[in-house]
Amino acid sequence: MKKIHWLKKIDKSNYDTSSAKTNHQWNRDPVGYFLIKIDDKDKLIRIGFCTNDNILNHEIVGKNAEDIYYEVLSRNLVSLMEHAAYIGKELTRAEVALKNGTEYVQDLDQ
């Protein structure tokens, strides 16, 4: 087995373990929100950014979740970490649906 030169031994002598909580409060991002859909015809993911007063401000179009969320971040369209995590989760679900030819509905966890 080839040794990875940058891999260092991890010190495990002093760490903490947390349990993930299932009951968390959702906070609205003051910057705005997103509408996500897949375009089966053109094989694209489309994400619309809306202000909190329901005005569509911008659309980002791409073929994969990673390219789109980097564009979202570069445009400062999220201000809360939980919102960024949610966008990453939903974009990944949309990408999988697009690749598998299945239906994608935002916020509908299967």
C-alpha atoms as a PDB file:
ATOM      1  CA  MET A   1       0.000   0.000   0.000  1.00  0.00           C
ATOM      2  CA  LYS A   2       1.359   3.410  -0.958  1.00  0.00           C
ATOM      3  CA  LYS A   3       1.952   5.761   1.965  1.00  0.00           C
ATOM      4  CA  ILE A   4       0.268   9.144   1.640  1.00  0.00           C
ATOM      5  CA  HIS A   5       2.948  11.728   2.416  1.00  0.00           C
ATOM      6  CA  TRP A   6       0.607  14.438   3.715  1.00  0.00           C
ATOM      7  CA  LEU A   7      -1.389  12.157   6.012  1.00  0.00           C
ATOM      8  CA  LYS A   8      -0.526  12.775   9.658  1.00  0.00           C
ATOM      9  CA  LYS A   9      -1.487  10.762  12.700  1.00  0.00           C
ATOM     10  CA  ILE A  10      -4.558  12.285  14.343  1.00  0.00           C
ATOM     11  CA  ASP A  11      -4.355  13.008  18.061  1.00  0.00           C
ATOM     12  CA  LYS A  12      -7.481  11.460  19.605  1.00  0.00           C
ATOM     13  CA  SER A  13      -6.524  12.063  23.223  1.00  0.00           C
ATOM     14  CA  ASN A  14      -8.784  15.073  23.830  1.00  0.00           C
ATOM     15  CA  TYR A  15     -11.950  15.305  21.770  1.00  0.00           C
ATOM     16  CA  ASP A  16     -15.660  15.694  22.402  1.00  0.00           C
ATOM     17  CA  THR A  17     -18.580  13.727  20.958  1.00  0.00           C
ATOM     18  CA  SER A  18     -21.987  15.269  20.270  1.00  0.00           C
ATOM     19  CA  SER A  19     -25.279  13.670  19.354  1.00  0.00           C
ATOM     20  CA  ALA A  20     -27.131  15.150  16.391  1.00  0.00           C
ATOM     21  CA  LYS A  21     -30.486  16.614  17.353  1.00  0.00           C
ATOM     22  CA  THR A  22     -33.609  15.843  15.348  1.00  0.00           C
ATOM     23  CA  ASN A  23     -35.644  18.715  16.722  1.00  0.00           C
ATOM     24  CA  HIS A  24     -34.179  21.966  15.410  1.00  0.00           C
ATOM     25  CA  GLN A  25     -35.660  25.376  14.740  1.00  0.00           C
ATOM     26  CA  TRP A  26     -35.628  26.752  11.202  1.00  0.00           C
ATOM     27  CA  ASN A  27     -34.630  30.407  10.838  1.00  0.00           C
ATOM     28  CA  ARG A  28     -35.468  32.387   7.719  1.00  0.00           C
ATOM     29  CA  ASP A  29     -32.401  33.731   5.954  1.00  0.00           C
ATOM     30  CA  PRO A  30     -32.656  37.543   5.899  1.00  0.00           C
ATOM     31  CA  VAL A  31     -31.048  37.592   2.436  1.00  0.00           C
ATOM     32  CA  GLY A  32     -33.779  35.538   0.737  1.00  0.00           C
ATOM     33  CA  TYR A  33     -34.763  32.045  -0.350  1.00  0.00           C
ATOM     34  CA  PHE A  34     -34.418  29.658  -3.294  1.00  0.00           C
ATOM     35  CA  LEU A  35     -36.715  27.771  -5.623  1.00  0.00           C
ATOM     36  CA  ILE A  36     -35.056  24.690  -7.100  1.00  0.00           C
ATOM     37  CA  LYS A  37     -36.201  22.586 -10.045  1.00  0.00           C
ATOM     38  CA  ILE A  38     -34.715  20.288 -12.647  1.00  0.00           C
ATOM     39  CA  ASP A  39     -35.009  20.855 -16.382  1.00  0.00           C
ATOM     40  CA  ASP A  40     -35.292  17.348 -17.850  1.00  0.00           C
ATOM     41  CA  LYS A  41     -35.302  18.587 -21.434  1.00  0.00           C
ATOM     42  CA  ASP A  42     -31.977  20.451 -21.207  1.00  0.00           C
ATOM     43  CA  LYS A  43     -30.556  18.225 -18.410  1.00  0.00           C
ATOM     44  CA  LEU A  44     -29.970  21.184 -16.080  1.00  0.00           C
ATOM     45  CA  ILE A  45     -30.647  22.229 -12.508  1.00  0.00           C
ATOM     46  CA  ARG A  46     -32.291  25.639 -12.188  1.00  0.00           C
ATOM     47  CA  ILE A  47     -32.237  27.593  -8.933  1.00  0.00           C
ATOM     48  CA  GLY A  48     -34.099  30.869  -8.565  1.00  0.00           C
ATOM     49  CA  PHE A  49     -33.137  33.308  -5.837  1.00  0.00           C
ATOM     50  CA  CYS A  50     -36.039  35.305  -4.369  1.00  0.00           C
ATOM     51  CA  THR A  51     -36.038  38.153  -1.903  1.00  0.00           C
ATOM     52  CA  ASN A  52     -38.128  37.640   1.229  1.00  0.00           C
ATOM     53  CA  ASP A  53     -40.820  39.848  -0.302  1.00  0.00           C
ATOM     54  CA  ASN A  54     -41.218  37.188  -3.038  1.00  0.00           C
ATOM     55  CA  ILE A  55     -39.408  38.905  -5.913  1.00  0.00           C
ATOM     56  CA  LEU A  56     -37.397  36.631  -8.213  1.00  0.00           C
ATOM     57  CA  ASN A  57     -34.016  38.337  -8.327  1.00  0.00           C
ATOM     58  CA  HIS A  58     -31.652  35.908 -10.048  1.00  0.00           C
ATOM     59  CA  GLU A  59     -31.496  32.468 -11.660  1.00  0.00           C
ATOM     60  CA  ILE A  60     -28.473  30.174 -11.603  1.00  0.00           C
ATOM     61  CA  VAL A  61     -28.369  27.284 -14.064  1.00  0.00           C
ATOM     62  CA  GLY A  62     -25.929  24.384 -14.024  1.00  0.00           C
ATOM     63  CA  LYS A  63     -25.369  20.687 -14.533  1.00  0.00           C
ATOM     64  CA  ASN A  64     -24.276  19.775 -11.013  1.00  0.00           C
ATOM     65  CA  ALA A  65     -24.837  20.759  -7.404  1.00  0.00           C
ATOM     66  CA  GLU A  66     -21.253  21.759  -6.688  1.00  0.00           C
ATOM     67  CA  ASP A  67     -20.985  24.346  -9.478  1.00  0.00           C
ATOM     68  CA  ILE A  68     -24.299  25.887  -8.475  1.00  0.00           C
ATOM     69  CA  TYR A  69     -23.622  26.155  -4.751  1.00  0.00           C
ATOM     70  CA  TYR A  70     -20.222  27.722  -5.392  1.00  0.00           C
ATOM     71  CA  GLU A  71     -21.991  30.316  -7.541  1.00  0.00           C
ATOM     72  CA  VAL A  72     -24.557  30.888  -4.765  1.00  0.00           C
ATOM     73  CA  LEU A  73     -21.729  31.431  -2.271  1.00  0.00           C
ATOM     74  CA  SER A  74     -19.739  33.701  -4.602  1.00  0.00           C
ATOM     75  CA  ARG A  75     -22.798  35.945  -4.990  1.00  0.00           C
ATOM     76  CA  ASN A  76     -23.405  36.070  -1.203  1.00  0.00           C
ATOM     77  CA  LEU A  77     -26.953  34.768  -1.606  1.00  0.00           C
ATOM     78  CA  VAL A  78     -26.949  33.029   1.780  1.00  0.00           C
ATOM     79  CA  SER A  79     -26.123  34.490   5.167  1.00  0.00           C
ATOM     80  CA  LEU A  80     -26.910  31.564   7.473  1.00  0.00           C
ATOM     81  CA  MET A  81     -24.893  28.353   7.647  1.00  0.00           C
ATOM     82  CA  GLU A  82     -28.062  26.282   8.059  1.00  0.00           C
ATOM     83  CA  HIS A  83     -29.416  27.787   4.831  1.00  0.00           C
ATOM     84  CA  ALA A  84     -26.190  26.974   2.972  1.00  0.00           C
ATOM     85  CA  ALA A  85     -26.382  23.382   4.270  1.00  0.00           C
ATOM     86  CA  TYR A  86     -30.018  23.131   3.165  1.00  0.00           C
ATOM     87  CA  ILE A  87     -29.166  24.427  -0.332  1.00  0.00           C
ATOM     88  CA  GLY A  88     -26.353  21.881  -0.619  1.00  0.00           C
ATOM     89  CA  LYS A  89     -28.704  19.070   0.429  1.00  0.00           C
ATOM     90  CA  GLU A  90     -31.458  20.091  -1.989  1.00  0.00           C
ATOM     91  CA  LEU A  91     -29.078  20.671  -4.907  1.00  0.00           C
ATOM     92  CA  THR A  92     -27.583  17.223  -4.345  1.00  0.00           C
ATOM     93  CA  ARG A  93     -31.059  15.681  -4.351  1.00  0.00           C
ATOM     94  CA  ALA A  94     -31.858  17.562  -7.581  1.00  0.00           C
ATOM     95  CA  GLU A  95     -28.616  16.366  -9.205  1.00  0.00           C
ATOM     96  CA  VAL A  96     -29.316  12.726  -8.277  1.00  0.00           C
ATOM     97  CA  ALA A  97     -32.871  12.982  -9.635  1.00  0.00           C
ATOM     98  CA  LEU A  98     -31.600  14.528 -12.866  1.00  0.00           C
ATOM     99  CA  LYS A  99     -28.987  11.780 -13.336  1.00  0.00           C
ATOM    100  CA  ASN A 100     -31.467   8.998 -12.505  1.00  0.00           C
ATOM    101  CA  GLY A 101     -34.361  10.411 -14.509  1.00  0.00           C
ATOM    102  CA  THR A 102     -36.579  10.595 -11.433  1.00  0.00           C
ATOM    103  CA  GLU A 103     -38.867  13.341 -10.208  1.00  0.00           C
ATOM    104  CA  TYR A 104     -37.473  16.057  -7.953  1.00  0.00           C
ATOM    105  CA  VAL A 105     -39.732  18.078  -5.670  1.00  0.00           C
ATOM    106  CA  GLN A 106     -38.054  20.614  -3.385  1.00  0.00           C
ATOM    107  CA  ASP A 107     -38.481  19.916   0.335  1.00  0.00           C
ATOM    108  CA  LEU A 108     -40.003  16.486  -0.317  1.00  0.00           C
ATOM    109  CA  ASP A 109     -37.602  14.093   1.397  1.00  0.00           C
ATOM    110  CA  GLN A 110     -38.091  10.544   0.221  1.00  0.00           C
END
